[in-house]
C-alpha atoms as a PDB file:
ATOM      1  CA  MET A   1      -0.156  18.581  -8.626  1.00  0.00           C
ATOM      2  CA  THR A   2      -0.079  21.875 -10.505  1.00  0.00           C
ATOM      3  CA  HIS A   3       2.895  23.255  -8.589  1.00  0.00           C
ATOM      4  CA  LYS A   4       6.109  24.328 -10.289  1.00  0.00           C
ATOM      5  CA  LYS A   5       9.100  22.147  -9.468  1.00  0.00           C
ATOM      6  CA  LYS A   6      12.621  23.446  -9.180  1.00  0.00           C
ATOM      7  CA  LYS A   7      14.565  21.698 -11.900  1.00  0.00           C
ATOM      8  CA  ARG A   8      17.347  20.414  -9.669  1.00  0.00           C
ATOM      9  CA  ALA A   9      15.557  20.248  -6.337  1.00  0.00           C
ATOM     10  CA  LEU A  10      16.003  17.089  -4.320  1.00  0.00           C
ATOM     11  CA  THR A  11      13.382  15.820  -1.901  1.00  0.00           C
ATOM     12  CA  LEU A  12      13.423  13.111   0.737  1.00  0.00           C
ATOM     13  CA  GLY A  13      10.715  10.486   1.013  1.00  0.00           C
ATOM     14  CA  VAL A  14      10.186   8.434   4.157  1.00  0.00           C
ATOM     15  CA  ASP A  15       7.975   5.339   4.279  1.00  0.00           C
ATOM     16  CA  ILE A  16       7.107   4.300   7.856  1.00  0.00           C
ATOM     17  CA  GLY A  17       5.404   0.931   8.175  1.00  0.00           C
ATOM     18  CA  GLY A  18       4.663  -1.306  11.120  1.00  0.00           C
ATOM     19  CA  THR A  19       8.159  -2.831  11.192  1.00  0.00           C
ATOM     20  CA  LYS A  20      10.361  -0.735   8.907  1.00  0.00           C
ATOM     21  CA  VAL A  21      11.354   2.742   7.844  1.00  0.00           C
ATOM     22  CA  ASN A  22      12.675   3.381   4.333  1.00  0.00           C
ATOM     23  CA  VAL A  23      14.265   6.689   3.356  1.00  0.00           C
ATOM     24  CA  GLY A  24      14.849   7.704  -0.255  1.00  0.00           C
ATOM     25  CA  LEU A  25      16.380  10.684  -2.033  1.00  0.00           C
ATOM     26  CA  MET A  26      14.610  11.663  -5.270  1.00  0.00           C
ATOM     27  CA  ASP A  27      15.183  14.251  -7.976  1.00  0.00           C
ATOM     28  CA  ALA A  28      12.436  16.278  -9.683  1.00  0.00           C
ATOM     29  CA  THR A  29      12.016  13.661 -12.451  1.00  0.00           C
ATOM     30  CA  GLY A  30      11.084  10.895 -10.019  1.00  0.00           C
ATOM     31  CA  ARG A  31      14.477   9.191 -10.179  1.00  0.00           C
ATOM     32  CA  LEU A  32      15.555   7.645  -6.906  1.00  0.00           C
ATOM     33  CA  LEU A  33      19.180   8.516  -6.251  1.00  0.00           C
ATOM     34  CA  PHE A  34      19.475   6.347  -3.157  1.00  0.00           C
ATOM     35  CA  VAL A  35      17.304   4.320  -0.790  1.00  0.00           C
ATOM     36  CA  GLN A  36      18.199   3.370   2.775  1.00  0.00           C
ATOM     37  CA  GLN A  37      16.151   0.598   4.380  1.00  0.00           C
ATOM     38  CA  SER A  38      16.015  -0.358   8.035  1.00  0.00           C
ATOM     39  CA  GLN A  39      13.888  -2.310  10.482  1.00  0.00           C
ATOM     40  CA  PHE A  40      12.810  -1.355  13.964  1.00  0.00           C
ATOM     41  CA  SER A  41      10.639  -2.499  16.795  1.00  0.00           C
ATOM     42  CA  ALA A  42       7.324  -0.666  16.717  1.00  0.00           C
ATOM     43  CA  SER A  43       7.231   1.715  19.666  1.00  0.00           C
ATOM     44  CA  LYS A  44       4.716   4.003  21.318  1.00  0.00           C
ATOM     45  CA  ASN A  45       7.479   6.601  21.415  1.00  0.00           C
ATOM     46  CA  PRO A  46       7.710   8.038  17.871  1.00  0.00           C
ATOM     47  CA  GLU A  47      10.953   9.863  18.672  1.00  0.00           C
ATOM     48  CA  ARG A  48      12.753   6.499  18.684  1.00  0.00           C
ATOM     49  CA  ILE A  49      12.080   6.208  14.959  1.00  0.00           C
ATOM     50  CA  PHE A  50      13.818   9.553  14.350  1.00  0.00           C
ATOM     51  CA  ASP A  51      17.132   7.711  14.804  1.00  0.00           C
ATOM     52  CA  ASP A  52      16.322   5.488  11.820  1.00  0.00           C
ATOM     53  CA  ILE A  53      15.099   8.451   9.774  1.00  0.00           C
ATOM     54  CA  SER A  54      18.166  10.509  10.699  1.00  0.00           C
ATOM     55  CA  ALA A  55      20.499   7.670   9.724  1.00  0.00           C
ATOM     56  CA  GLY A  56      18.737   7.264   6.387  1.00  0.00           C
ATOM     57  CA  ILE A  57      18.806  10.999   5.684  1.00  0.00           C
ATOM     58  CA  GLU A  58      22.515  11.259   6.462  1.00  0.00           C
ATOM     59  CA  VAL A  59      23.333   8.348   4.154  1.00  0.00           C
ATOM     60  CA  CYS A  60      21.224   9.854   1.363  1.00  0.00           C
ATOM     61  CA  ARG A  61      22.799  13.304   1.800  1.00  0.00           C
ATOM     62  CA  SER A  62      26.326  11.854   1.842  1.00  0.00           C
ATOM     63  CA  LYS A  63      25.709  10.147  -1.504  1.00  0.00           C
ATOM     64  CA  THR A  64      25.090  13.434  -3.314  1.00  0.00           C
ATOM     65  CA  GLY A  65      26.558  16.241  -1.228  1.00  0.00           C
ATOM     66  CA  GLN A  66      23.560  18.342  -2.282  1.00  0.00           C
ATOM     67  CA  VAL A  67      21.075  20.257  -0.174  1.00  0.00           C
ATOM     68  CA  VAL A  68      17.731  18.556   0.429  1.00  0.00           C
ATOM     69  CA  GLU A  69      14.921  21.102   0.453  1.00  0.00           C
ATOM     70  CA  ALA A  70      11.861  19.229   1.724  1.00  0.00           C
ATOM     71  CA  LEU A  71      10.703  16.039   3.393  1.00  0.00           C
ATOM     72  CA  GLY A  72       7.628  13.917   2.726  1.00  0.00           C
ATOM     73  CA  VAL A  73       6.504  11.111   5.004  1.00  0.00           C
ATOM     74  CA  GLY A  74       4.039   8.300   4.431  1.00  0.00           C
ATOM     75  CA  VAL A  75       3.025   6.545   7.633  1.00  0.00           C
ATOM     76  CA  ALA A  76       0.822   3.526   8.284  1.00  0.00           C
ATOM     77  CA  ALA A  77      -1.830   5.547  10.077  1.00  0.00           C
ATOM     78  CA  GLN A  78      -4.774   7.871   9.777  1.00  0.00           C
ATOM     79  CA  VAL A  79      -3.329  11.363   9.354  1.00  0.00           C
ATOM     80  CA  ASN A  80      -5.221  14.673   9.475  1.00  0.00           C
ATOM     81  CA  THR A  81      -4.586  17.704   7.273  1.00  0.00           C
ATOM     82  CA  LYS A  82      -2.197  19.213   9.850  1.00  0.00           C
ATOM     83  CA  GLY A  83       0.114  16.208   9.757  1.00  0.00           C
ATOM     84  CA  VAL A  84      -1.065  14.791  13.073  1.00  0.00           C
ATOM     85  CA  VAL A  85      -1.181  10.988  13.287  1.00  0.00           C
ATOM     86  CA  ARG A  86      -4.643  10.410  14.681  1.00  0.00           C
ATOM     87  CA  ASP A  87      -4.316   6.671  15.087  1.00  0.00           C
ATOM     88  CA  SER A  88      -1.929   3.886  14.076  1.00  0.00           C
ATOM     89  CA  GLN A  89      -2.674   0.378  15.283  1.00  0.00           C
ATOM     90  CA  ASN A  90       0.604  -0.875  13.779  1.00  0.00           C
ATOM     91  CA  LEU A  91       2.759   1.678  15.585  1.00  0.00           C
ATOM     92  CA  GLY A  92       0.671   2.231  18.692  1.00  0.00           C
ATOM     93  CA  TRP A  93       0.565   5.986  18.048  1.00  0.00           C
ATOM     94  CA  ARG A  94      -2.368   8.255  18.773  1.00  0.00           C
ATOM     95  CA  ASN A  95      -2.602  12.037  18.285  1.00  0.00           C
ATOM     96  CA  VAL A  96       1.104  12.423  17.465  1.00  0.00           C
ATOM     97  CA  PRO A  97       1.965  15.822  15.840  1.00  0.00           C
ATOM     98  CA  LEU A  98       4.427  14.177  13.451  1.00  0.00           C
ATOM     99  CA  LYS A  99       4.768  17.037  10.935  1.00  0.00           C
ATOM    100  CA  LYS A 100       5.641  19.549  13.663  1.00  0.00           C
ATOM    101  CA  MET A 101       8.068  17.099  15.280  1.00  0.00           C
ATOM    102  CA  LEU A 102       9.822  16.362  11.985  1.00  0.00           C
ATOM    103  CA  GLU A 103      10.224  20.025  11.073  1.00  0.00           C
ATOM    104  CA  LYS A 104      11.641  20.822  14.498  1.00  0.00           C
ATOM    105  CA  HIS A 105      14.008  17.849  14.413  1.00  0.00           C
ATOM    106  CA  PHE A 106      15.320  18.183  10.844  1.00  0.00           C
ATOM    107  CA  GLY A 107      14.917  21.891  10.149  1.00  0.00           C
ATOM    108  CA  ILE A 108      13.260  21.532   6.732  1.00  0.00           C
ATOM    109  CA  PRO A 109       9.591  21.761   5.712  1.00  0.00           C
ATOM    110  CA  ALA A 110       7.691  18.477   5.878  1.00  0.00           C
ATOM    111  CA  LEU A 111       4.364  16.983   4.842  1.00  0.00           C
ATOM    112  CA  VAL A 112       2.826  13.828   6.309  1.00  0.00           C
ATOM    113  CA  ILE A 113       0.280  11.536   4.664  1.00  0.00           C
ATOM    114  CA  ASN A 114      -1.107   8.009   4.991  1.00  0.00           C
ATOM    115  CA  ASP A 115       1.455   5.523   3.593  1.00  0.00           C
ATOM    116  CA  VAL A 116      -0.850   3.989   0.994  1.00  0.00           C
ATOM    117  CA  ASN A 117      -1.957   7.410  -0.217  1.00  0.00           C
ATOM    118  CA  ALA A 118       1.751   8.208  -0.586  1.00  0.00           C
ATOM    119  CA  ALA A 119       2.270   5.026  -2.612  1.00  0.00           C
ATOM    120  CA  THR A 120      -0.750   6.008  -4.719  1.00  0.00           C
ATOM    121  CA  LEU A 121       0.920   9.350  -5.499  1.00  0.00           C
ATOM    122  CA  GLY A 122       4.088   7.508  -6.483  1.00  0.00           C
ATOM    123  CA  GLU A 123       2.349   5.151  -8.909  1.00  0.00           C
ATOM    124  CA  TRP A 124       0.319   8.044 -10.325  1.00  0.00           C
ATOM    125  CA  GLN A 125       3.161  10.476 -10.910  1.00  0.00           C
ATOM    126  CA  PHE A 126       6.016   8.128 -11.809  1.00  0.00           C
ATOM    127  CA  GLY A 127       4.663   4.587 -12.100  1.00  0.00           C
ATOM    128  CA  ALA A 128       1.879   2.633 -13.768  1.00  0.00           C
ATOM    129  CA  GLY A 129      -0.591   5.530 -13.529  1.00  0.00           C
ATOM    130  CA  LYS A 130       1.576   8.224 -15.078  1.00  0.00           C
ATOM    131  CA  GLY A 131      -0.469  10.573 -17.247  1.00  0.00           C
ATOM    132  CA  VAL A 132      -3.860   9.229 -16.081  1.00  0.00           C
ATOM    133  CA  LYS A 133      -6.258  11.644 -14.356  1.00  0.00           C
ATOM    134  CA  ASP A 134      -8.753   9.106 -13.011  1.00  0.00           C
ATOM    135  CA  LEU A 135      -7.377   5.977 -11.394  1.00  0.00           C
ATOM    136  CA  ALA A 136      -7.647   3.709  -8.379  1.00  0.00           C
ATOM    137  CA  VAL A 137      -4.638   2.107  -6.732  1.00  0.00           C
ATOM    138  CA  LEU A 138      -5.090  -0.978  -4.545  1.00  0.00           C
ATOM    139  CA  PHE A 139      -2.202  -2.426  -2.541  1.00  0.00           C
ATOM    140  CA  VAL A 140      -2.717  -5.953  -1.246  1.00  0.00           C
ATOM    141  CA  GLY A 141      -0.143  -6.890   1.362  1.00  0.00           C
ATOM    142  CA  THR A 142      -0.513  -8.047   4.951  1.00  0.00           C
ATOM    143  CA  GLY A 143      -3.354  -5.542   5.017  1.00  0.00           C
ATOM    144  CA  VAL A 144      -5.165  -3.866   2.136  1.00  0.00           C
ATOM    145  CA  GLY A 145      -5.075  -0.158   1.354  1.00  0.00           C
ATOM    146  CA  GLY A 146      -5.630   2.086  -1.583  1.00  0.00           C
ATOM    147  CA  GLY A 147      -6.052   5.507  -2.998  1.00  0.00           C
ATOM    148  CA  ILE A 148      -8.246   7.260  -5.541  1.00  0.00           C
ATOM    149  CA  ILE A 149      -7.123   9.922  -8.003  1.00  0.00           C
ATOM    150  CA  THR A 150     -10.094  11.718  -9.542  1.00  0.00           C
ATOM    151  CA  GLU A 151      -9.765  14.508 -12.103  1.00  0.00           C
ATOM    152  CA  GLY A 152      -6.074  14.768 -11.290  1.00  0.00           C
ATOM    153  CA  LYS A 153      -6.512  15.115  -7.511  1.00  0.00           C
ATOM    154  CA  LEU A 154      -6.007  12.706  -4.631  1.00  0.00           C
ATOM    155  CA  LEU A 155      -9.359  11.999  -2.996  1.00  0.00           C
ATOM    156  CA  SER A 156      -8.947  12.933   0.668  1.00  0.00           C
ATOM    157  CA  GLY A 157     -12.544  12.873   1.894  1.00  0.00           C
ATOM    158  CA  CYS A 158     -14.286  14.868   4.624  1.00  0.00           C
ATOM    159  CA  ASN A 159     -11.770  13.999   7.332  1.00  0.00           C
ATOM    160  CA  ASN A 160      -8.661  13.243   5.250  1.00  0.00           C
ATOM    161  CA  SER A 161      -9.356   9.504   5.516  1.00  0.00           C
ATOM    162  CA  GLY A 162     -10.562   8.849   1.956  1.00  0.00           C
ATOM    163  CA  GLY A 163      -9.355   5.832   0.002  1.00  0.00           C
ATOM    164  CA  GLU A 164      -9.680   3.161   2.720  1.00  0.00           C
ATOM    165  CA  LEU A 165     -10.462   0.650  -0.018  1.00  0.00           C
ATOM    166  CA  GLY A 166      -9.463  -2.341   2.068  1.00  0.00           C
ATOM    167  CA  HIS A 167     -12.495  -1.747   4.252  1.00  0.00           C
ATOM    168  CA  ILE A 168     -15.226  -1.703   1.661  1.00  0.00           C
ATOM    169  CA  THR A 169     -17.719  -4.473   2.469  1.00  0.00           C
ATOM    170  CA  ILE A 170     -17.786  -7.368   0.014  1.00  0.00           C
ATOM    171  CA  VAL A 171     -19.690  -9.896   2.187  1.00  0.00           C
ATOM    172  CA  SER A 172     -22.516  -8.734   4.442  1.00  0.00           C
ATOM    173  CA  ASP A 173     -21.861  -9.841   8.036  1.00  0.00           C
ATOM    174  CA  GLY A 174     -18.857 -11.767   6.736  1.00  0.00           C
ATOM    175  CA  ARG A 175     -15.470 -12.595   8.206  1.00  0.00           C
ATOM    176  CA  LYS A 176     -14.233 -10.450  11.098  1.00  0.00           C
ATOM    177  CA  CYS A 177     -11.744  -7.811  10.029  1.00  0.00           C
ATOM    178  CA  HIS A 178      -8.984  -6.228  12.121  1.00  0.00           C
ATOM    179  CA  CYS A 179     -11.061  -3.052  12.001  1.00  0.00           C
ATOM    180  CA  PRO A 180     -14.380  -2.992  13.906  1.00  0.00           C
ATOM    181  CA  GLY A 181     -16.252  -4.283  10.864  1.00  0.00           C
ATOM    182  CA  LYS A 182     -17.069  -7.597   9.215  1.00  0.00           C
ATOM    183  CA  GLY A 183     -16.930  -8.669   5.587  1.00  0.00           C
ATOM    184  CA  CYS A 184     -14.234  -6.163   4.558  1.00  0.00           C
ATOM    185  CA  LEU A 185     -12.142  -6.764   1.451  1.00  0.00           C
ATOM    186  CA  GLU A 186      -9.061  -7.016   3.691  1.00  0.00           C
ATOM    187  CA  ALA A 187     -10.693  -9.773   5.734  1.00  0.00           C
ATOM    188  CA  TYR A 188     -10.644 -11.979   2.618  1.00  0.00           C
ATOM    189  CA  VAL A 189      -7.594 -10.989   0.555  1.00  0.00           C
ATOM    190  CA  GLY A 190      -5.108  -9.446   3.003  1.00  0.00           C
ATOM    191  CA  GLY A 191      -2.073 -11.612   3.709  1.00  0.00           C
ATOM    192  CA  TRP A 192      -3.264 -12.338   7.240  1.00  0.00           C
ATOM    193  CA  ALA A 193      -6.716 -13.302   5.925  1.00  0.00           C
ATOM    194  CA  ILE A 194      -5.311 -15.634   3.247  1.00  0.00           C
ATOM    195  CA  ALA A 195      -3.269 -17.343   5.975  1.00  0.00           C
ATOM    196  CA  GLU A 196      -6.373 -17.635   8.155  1.00  0.00           C
ATOM    197  CA  ARG A 197      -8.454 -19.133   5.344  1.00  0.00           C
ATOM    198  CA  ALA A 198      -5.641 -21.515   4.381  1.00  0.00           C
ATOM    199  CA  GLN A 199      -5.307 -22.793   7.950  1.00  0.00           C
ATOM    200  CA  GLU A 200      -9.068 -23.397   8.130  1.00  0.00           C
ATOM    201  CA  MET A 201      -9.011 -25.323   4.845  1.00  0.00           C
ATOM    202  CA  ILE A 202      -6.081 -27.495   5.951  1.00  0.00           C
ATOM    203  CA  SER A 203      -7.923 -28.326   9.191  1.00  0.00           C
ATOM    204  CA  ALA A 204     -10.977 -29.393   7.194  1.00  0.00           C
ATOM    205  CA  LEU A 205      -9.091 -31.099   4.343  1.00  0.00           C
ATOM    206  CA  ARG A 206      -6.068 -32.806   5.906  1.00  0.00           C
ATOM    207  CA  MET A 207      -5.129 -34.912   2.863  1.00  0.00           C
ATOM    208  CA  GLU A 208      -5.396 -32.029   0.399  1.00  0.00           C
ATOM    209  CA  GLY A 209      -3.472 -29.729   2.755  1.00  0.00           C
ATOM    210  CA  LYS A 210      -0.412 -31.965   3.096  1.00  0.00           C
ATOM    211  CA  ARG A 211       1.846 -29.938   0.815  1.00  0.00           C
ATOM    212  CA  LEU A 212       1.013 -26.640   2.483  1.00  0.00           C
ATOM    213  CA  LEU A 213       1.624 -28.230   5.869  1.00  0.00           C
ATOM    214  CA  THR A 214       4.958 -29.678   4.739  1.00  0.00           C
ATOM    215  CA  LEU A 215       6.130 -26.285   3.456  1.00  0.00           C
ATOM    216  CA  ALA A 216       5.134 -24.469   6.639  1.00  0.00           C
ATOM    217  CA  GLY A 217       6.014 -27.103   9.247  1.00  0.00           C
ATOM    218  CA  LYS A 218       3.014 -26.320  11.432  1.00  0.00           C
ATOM    219  CA  ILE A 219      -0.528 -25.314  10.575  1.00  0.00           C
ATOM    220  CA  GLN A 220      -0.142 -22.102  12.600  1.00  0.00           C
ATOM    221  CA  GLN A 221       2.852 -21.166  10.433  1.00  0.00           C
ATOM    222  CA  VAL A 222       0.989 -21.348   7.101  1.00  0.00           C
ATOM    223  CA  THR A 223       1.069 -17.883   5.529  1.00  0.00           C
ATOM    224  CA  ALA A 224       0.149 -16.215   2.249  1.00  0.00           C
ATOM    225  CA  VAL A 225       3.755 -16.857   1.176  1.00  0.00           C
ATOM    226  CA  THR A 226       3.232 -20.578   1.818  1.00  0.00           C
ATOM    227  CA  VAL A 227       0.125 -20.487  -0.367  1.00  0.00           C
ATOM    228  CA  SER A 228       2.026 -18.639  -3.111  1.00  0.00           C
ATOM    229  CA  GLN A 229       4.845 -21.182  -3.063  1.00  0.00           C
ATOM    230  CA  ALA A 230       2.494 -24.186  -3.138  1.00  0.00           C
ATOM    231  CA  TYR A 231       0.457 -22.556  -5.920  1.00  0.00           C
ATOM    232  CA  LYS A 232       3.562 -22.174  -8.069  1.00  0.00           C
ATOM    233  CA  GLU A 233       4.273 -25.878  -7.523  1.00  0.00           C
ATOM    234  CA  GLY A 234       0.798 -26.756  -8.813  1.00  0.00           C
ATOM    235  CA  ASP A 235      -0.750 -27.767  -5.487  1.00  0.00           C
ATOM    236  CA  LEU A 236      -4.520 -28.172  -5.886  1.00  0.00           C
ATOM    237  CA  LEU A 237      -5.572 -26.751  -2.506  1.00  0.00           C
ATOM    238  CA  ALA A 238      -3.319 -23.731  -3.003  1.00  0.00           C
ATOM    239  CA  ARG A 239      -4.873 -23.247  -6.434  1.00  0.00           C
ATOM    240  CA  LEU A 240      -8.340 -23.341  -4.876  1.00  0.00           C
ATOM    241  CA  LEU A 241      -7.276 -20.725  -2.320  1.00  0.00           C
ATOM    242  CA  VAL A 242      -5.760 -18.459  -4.971  1.00  0.00           C
ATOM    243  CA  GLU A 243      -8.799 -18.696  -7.259  1.00  0.00           C
ATOM    244  CA  GLU A 244     -11.078 -17.921  -4.308  1.00  0.00           C
ATOM    245  CA  THR A 245      -8.858 -14.959  -3.389  1.00  0.00           C
ATOM    246  CA  GLY A 246      -9.055 -13.757  -6.993  1.00  0.00           C
ATOM    247  CA  ARG A 247     -12.851 -13.784  -6.856  1.00  0.00           C
ATOM    248  CA  TYR A 248     -12.906 -11.851  -3.579  1.00  0.00           C
ATOM    249  CA  LEU A 249     -10.364  -9.334  -4.873  1.00  0.00           C
ATOM    250  CA  ALA A 250     -12.375  -8.903  -8.055  1.00  0.00           C
ATOM    251  CA  ALA A 251     -15.531  -8.263  -5.995  1.00  0.00           C
ATOM    252  CA  GLY A 252     -13.714  -5.351  -4.361  1.00  0.00           C
ATOM    253  CA  VAL A 253     -12.396  -4.046  -7.666  1.00  0.00           C
ATOM    254  CA  VAL A 254     -15.863  -4.247  -9.253  1.00  0.00           C
ATOM    255  CA  SER A 255     -17.251  -2.128  -6.414  1.00  0.00           C
ATOM    256  CA  ILE A 256     -14.440   0.408  -6.842  1.00  0.00           C
ATOM    257  CA  VAL A 257     -14.918   0.520 -10.621  1.00  0.00           C
ATOM    258  CA  ASN A 258     -18.685   0.962 -10.321  1.00  0.00           C
ATOM    259  CA  ALA A 259     -18.368   3.654  -7.641  1.00  0.00           C
ATOM    260  CA  PHE A 260     -15.524   5.763  -9.062  1.00  0.00           C
ATOM    261  CA  ASN A 261     -15.392   4.926 -12.790  1.00  0.00           C
ATOM    262  CA  PRO A 262     -11.578   5.083 -13.054  1.00  0.00           C
ATOM    263  CA  CYS A 263      -9.805   4.744 -16.386  1.00  0.00           C
ATOM    264  CA  LEU A 264      -7.152   2.628 -14.684  1.00  0.00           C
ATOM    265  CA  VAL A 265      -6.885   0.286 -11.708  1.00  0.00           C
ATOM    266  CA  VAL A 266      -3.364  -0.398 -10.439  1.00  0.00           C
ATOM    267  CA  LEU A 267      -2.853  -3.527  -8.331  1.00  0.00           C
ATOM    268  CA  GLY A 268       0.240  -3.865  -6.152  1.00  0.00           C
ATOM    269  CA  GLY A 269       1.545  -5.040  -2.792  1.00  0.00           C
ATOM    270  CA  GLY A 270       3.231  -8.195  -1.555  1.00  0.00           C
ATOM    271  CA  VAL A 271       0.306 -10.539  -2.243  1.00  0.00           C
ATOM    272  CA  VAL A 272       0.023  -9.385  -5.865  1.00  0.00           C
ATOM    273  CA  GLU A 273       3.812  -9.548  -6.280  1.00  0.00           C
ATOM    274  CA  GLY A 274       3.812 -13.086  -4.870  1.00  0.00           C
ATOM    275  CA  ILE A 275       0.781 -14.268  -6.877  1.00  0.00           C
ATOM    276  CA  PRO A 276       0.800 -12.217 -10.122  1.00  0.00           C
ATOM    277  CA  ASP A 277      -1.871 -14.519 -11.619  1.00  0.00           C
ATOM    278  CA  LEU A 278      -4.366 -12.574  -9.493  1.00  0.00           C
ATOM    279  CA  VAL A 279      -4.166  -9.669 -11.960  1.00  0.00           C
ATOM    280  CA  PRO A 280      -5.584 -11.527 -15.021  1.00  0.00           C
ATOM    281  CA  MET A 281      -8.175 -13.196 -12.765  1.00  0.00           C
ATOM    282  CA  VAL A 282      -9.377  -9.796 -11.574  1.00  0.00           C
ATOM    283  CA  LYS A 283      -9.342  -8.410 -15.118  1.00  0.00           C
ATOM    284  CA  GLU A 284     -11.611 -11.139 -16.453  1.00  0.00           C
ATOM    285  CA  ILE A 285     -14.129 -11.063 -13.617  1.00  0.00           C
ATOM    286  CA  THR A 286     -14.277  -7.265 -13.547  1.00  0.00           C
ATOM    287  CA  ARG A 287     -14.770  -7.079 -17.301  1.00  0.00           C
ATOM    288  CA  ASN A 288     -17.760  -9.456 -17.016  1.00  0.00           C
ATOM    289  CA  SER A 289     -19.259  -8.149 -13.758  1.00  0.00           C
ATOM    290  CA  ALA A 290     -18.885  -4.357 -13.583  1.00  0.00           C
ATOM    291  CA  LEU A 291     -21.237  -1.920 -15.294  1.00  0.00           C
ATOM    292  CA  GLU A 292     -20.704  -1.899 -19.047  1.00  0.00           C
ATOM    293  CA  ALA A 293     -20.079   1.847 -19.277  1.00  0.00           C
ATOM    294  CA  ASN A 294     -17.546   1.668 -16.437  1.00  0.00           C
ATOM    295  CA  VAL A 295     -15.368  -0.973 -18.117  1.00  0.00           C
ATOM    296  CA  GLU A 296     -15.520   0.550 -21.589  1.00  0.00           C
ATOM    297  CA  LYS A 297     -12.194   2.391 -21.190  1.00  0.00           C
ATOM    298  CA  LEU A 298     -10.947   0.553 -18.122  1.00  0.00           C
ATOM    299  CA  LYS A 299      -7.461  -0.943 -17.865  1.00  0.00           C
ATOM    300  CA  ILE A 300      -6.229  -3.051 -14.946  1.00  0.00           C
ATOM    301  CA  VAL A 301      -2.459  -3.292 -14.558  1.00  0.00           C
ATOM    302  CA  LYS A 302       0.187  -4.324 -12.062  1.00  0.00           C
ATOM    303  CA  ALA A 303       2.030  -1.638 -10.111  1.00  0.00           C
ATOM    304  CA  THR A 304       5.512  -0.879 -11.439  1.00  0.00           C
ATOM    305  CA  LEU A 305       7.380   0.794  -8.561  1.00  0.00           C
ATOM    306  CA  GLY A 306       7.459  -2.258  -6.287  1.00  0.00           C
ATOM    307  CA  GLY A 307       8.631  -1.690  -2.728  1.00  0.00           C
ATOM    308  CA  ASN A 308       9.788   1.845  -3.546  1.00  0.00           C
ATOM    309  CA  SER A 309       6.308   3.220  -4.289  1.00  0.00           C
ATOM    310  CA  GLY A 310       5.873   4.605  -0.756  1.00  0.00           C
ATOM    311  CA  VAL A 311       9.250   6.357  -0.704  1.00  0.00           C
ATOM    312  CA  ILE A 312       8.738   7.797  -4.190  1.00  0.00           C
ATOM    313  CA  GLY A 313       5.225   8.927  -3.304  1.00  0.00           C
ATOM    314  CA  ALA A 314       6.381  10.578  -0.090  1.00  0.00           C
ATOM    315  CA  ALA A 315       9.171  12.385  -1.946  1.00  0.00           C
ATOM    316  CA  THR A 316       6.600  13.405  -4.569  1.00  0.00           C
ATOM    317  CA  LEU A 317       4.474  14.867  -1.761  1.00  0.00           C
ATOM    318  CA  ALA A 318       7.478  16.896  -0.594  1.00  0.00           C
ATOM    319  CA  GLN A 319       7.696  18.501  -4.031  1.00  0.00           C
ATOM    320  CA  LEU A 320       4.478  20.339  -3.155  1.00  0.00           C
ATOM    321  CA  LEU A 321       6.589  22.389  -0.735  1.00  0.00           C
ATOM    322  CA  LEU A 322       9.003  23.637  -3.415  1.00  0.00           C
END
């Protein structure tokens, strides 16, 4: 991020997830001037999403009347260095030349990146990681993703797929993940995995699971949100689930800390927002379990940009084009 920014340049950031597209207009200081949020039905035709992006861009432009000079996009997918979406299970896309399509459609330069890497850029440049040159960002939502900043650069890896922290193995031959593997961090702490574990516990412990079942209505409807709600009410089974999730999450963080020796770990995403007690749990376990030298200067904090991290990160990416 050694580029020179135009003092008054505005950039657009687009965050494309499995069920939504958010568009934000940002100035060079990282201040969001406007954010437009929308939902859509995931489609194998990416051009259908251009309607949502176009609508968001027009709203953002109308709020300022100023010229937007570049566009950054974070998308829930594996993206190569040329801005081609290689694969997105959430969107059903494969080998989609998104950068080229965006530039042709909107007539401004664009950059495309994985959505969690975009959110990592946002937290690094304008959020909890501001001013830190070595950090790891881990977002725990329905799935788990992350990004690594090392010596002031985003770790991209050999094939631009670096930072898939949700798929580090924490249990050998463990629970089946949504990826081809088993025992992944996501398979234990992702929102879908928490729901799965909760449903199994309720089936085995009917009496203890009564409150969770009452909140959800049906066992198949128990989610991570249900667990969060019951935990806040003091439910014992929910507490057991949260403490177990904290230990699994800490196992992943310990591996990240030992492997990359960051000065800072930033934890965010819907699960962390819903159960903020996970952060002190992870802090304590990591402090006691990771290599001594690797925790000497380590700080573990909660993300600060919330749901806007992806939009801000994508708009930050666009500043590279200025």
